[in-house]
Amino acid sequence: MAKETAAFLHDSNARHDPKLKALRRARGKAAICDFWTLAEILREQEGCRYDIGWKFAWVSLGDELDMTPEEAKQFVMELVEDFGLLKTDGKWLWSQSLVDRVERYEQAREARRERA
């Protein structure tokens, strides 16, 4: 039996989001791809939160993003501090928008399951 893929929705007009537009202007279209790759990584994690306190977190994220660990950390911190697209408490990394969307998705899925 195939493992269920953790899905998430995003707006079809997300490219018009001022934060994503600023990211694209500052870092180019490749940064948008890197951002969505990070969103997929976050979605795969328990609670949609990534443990950046883990010893190899930046190595792992760098591998996923085709960046050095230092470049990955710099990029992620720009997403947090400069663009407001991600949040961190120093231990965990997350997208509040993603957390909210997944919560609504799971609630709707559960409601459909109960009706069936």
Protein backbone atom coordinates (compact mmCIF):
# COMPACT_ATOMS: atom_id res chain seq x y z
CA MET A 1 0.00 0.00 0.00
CA ALA A 2 1.38 3.40 -0.96
CA LYS A 3 2.09 5.94 1.75
CA GLU A 4 -0.29 8.89 1.73
CA THR A 5 1.30 12.08 0.44
CA ALA A 6 1.00 15.03 2.78
CA ALA A 7 -0.80 17.60 0.66
CA PHE A 8 -1.24 21.31 1.15
CA LEU A 9 -3.06 23.97 -0.79
CA HIS A 10 -1.73 27.34 -1.76
CA ASP A 11 -3.48 30.18 -3.53
CA SER A 12 -3.31 30.04 -7.31
CA ASN A 13 -2.42 33.72 -7.21
CA ALA A 14 0.33 33.39 -4.57
CA ARG A 15 2.74 35.00 -7.03
CA HIS A 16 0.93 38.31 -6.32
CA ASP A 17 1.66 38.15 -2.59
CA PRO A 18 3.73 41.27 -1.75
CA LYS A 19 6.19 39.23 0.31
CA LEU A 20 6.80 36.76 -2.53
CA LYS A 21 7.08 39.62 -5.02
CA ALA A 22 9.71 41.26 -2.82
CA LEU A 23 11.59 37.95 -2.57
CA ARG A 24 11.51 37.55 -6.35
CA ARG A 25 12.77 41.11 -6.87
CA ALA A 26 15.56 40.70 -4.34
CA ARG A 27 16.74 37.18 -5.18
CA GLY A 28 15.21 36.23 -8.54
CA LYS A 29 12.72 33.57 -9.56
CA ALA A 30 14.93 30.73 -8.32
CA ALA A 31 14.28 31.96 -4.78
CA ILE A 32 10.57 31.35 -5.30
CA CYS A 33 11.34 27.75 -6.21
CA ASP A 34 13.51 27.46 -3.11
CA PHE A 35 10.73 28.92 -0.98
CA TRP A 36 8.19 26.37 -2.27
CA THR A 37 10.71 23.57 -1.75
CA LEU A 38 10.98 24.71 1.86
CA ALA A 39 7.18 24.74 2.13
CA GLU A 40 7.12 21.11 0.96
CA ILE A 41 9.83 20.21 3.49
CA LEU A 42 7.87 21.91 6.27
CA ARG A 43 4.69 20.10 5.25
CA GLU A 44 6.46 16.76 5.60
CA GLN A 45 7.39 17.50 9.22
CA GLU A 46 5.30 16.75 12.28
CA GLY A 47 3.26 19.88 12.96
CA CYS A 48 4.78 21.50 9.84
CA ARG A 49 7.75 22.59 11.96
CA TYR A 50 11.41 21.92 11.15
CA ASP A 51 13.94 21.46 13.96
CA ILE A 52 16.68 23.95 13.10
CA GLY A 53 18.29 23.21 16.45
CA TRP A 54 19.24 19.77 15.16
CA LYS A 55 22.98 19.37 14.65
CA PHE A 56 22.67 18.68 10.92
CA ALA A 57 19.65 20.86 10.12
CA TRP A 58 21.49 23.30 7.87
CA VAL A 59 23.41 20.52 6.12
CA SER A 60 20.13 18.75 5.41
CA LEU A 61 18.33 21.90 4.24
CA GLY A 62 21.35 22.85 2.14
CA ASP A 63 21.23 19.47 0.42
CA GLU A 64 17.52 19.89 -0.32
CA LEU A 65 18.02 23.41 -1.67
CA ASP A 66 21.29 22.76 -3.53
CA MET A 67 23.05 25.22 -1.23
CA THR A 68 25.87 25.06 1.25
CA PRO A 69 24.73 24.89 4.88
CA GLU A 70 25.75 28.53 5.29
CA GLU A 71 23.79 29.61 2.20
CA ALA A 72 20.73 27.67 3.39
CA LYS A 73 20.86 29.32 6.81
CA GLN A 74 21.27 32.77 5.27
CA PHE A 75 18.37 32.19 2.87
CA VAL A 76 16.06 30.89 5.59
CA MET A 77 16.95 33.74 7.94
CA GLU A 78 16.18 36.22 5.13
CA LEU A 79 12.78 34.55 4.69
CA VAL A 80 12.19 35.07 8.41
CA GLU A 81 13.74 38.47 9.06
CA ASP A 82 13.54 40.34 5.76
CA PHE A 83 10.48 38.93 4.02
CA GLY A 84 8.29 37.70 6.90
CA LEU A 85 7.47 34.47 5.05
CA LEU A 86 8.64 32.10 7.80
CA LYS A 87 8.85 32.20 11.59
CA THR A 88 11.35 30.82 14.06
CA ASP A 89 11.80 30.71 17.80
CA GLY A 90 15.46 29.69 17.44
CA LYS A 91 14.66 25.99 17.72
CA TRP A 92 11.83 25.47 15.23
CA LEU A 93 11.13 26.87 11.77
CA TRP A 94 7.59 27.13 10.39
CA SER A 95 5.24 28.97 8.08
CA GLN A 96 2.21 30.19 10.00
CA SER A 97 0.23 30.31 6.77
CA LEU A 98 1.09 26.67 6.08
CA VAL A 99 0.24 25.61 9.65
CA ASP A 100 -3.14 27.36 9.38
CA ARG A 101 -3.92 25.87 5.96
CA VAL A 102 -3.00 22.34 7.01
CA GLU A 103 -5.12 22.68 10.14
CA ARG A 104 -8.15 23.74 8.07
CA TYR A 105 -7.45 20.94 5.55
CA GLU A 106 -7.25 18.31 8.30
CA GLN A 107 -10.45 19.57 9.94
CA ALA A 108 -12.32 19.43 6.63
CA ARG A 109 -10.91 15.97 5.89
CA GLU A 110 -12.01 14.71 9.30
CA ALA A 111 -15.49 16.19 8.82
CA ARG A 112 -15.80 14.42 5.45
CA ARG A 113 -14.63 11.16 7.02
CA GLU A 114 -17.23 11.45 9.78
CA ARG A 115 -20.01 12.11 7.26
CA ALA A 116 -19.06 9.05 5.20
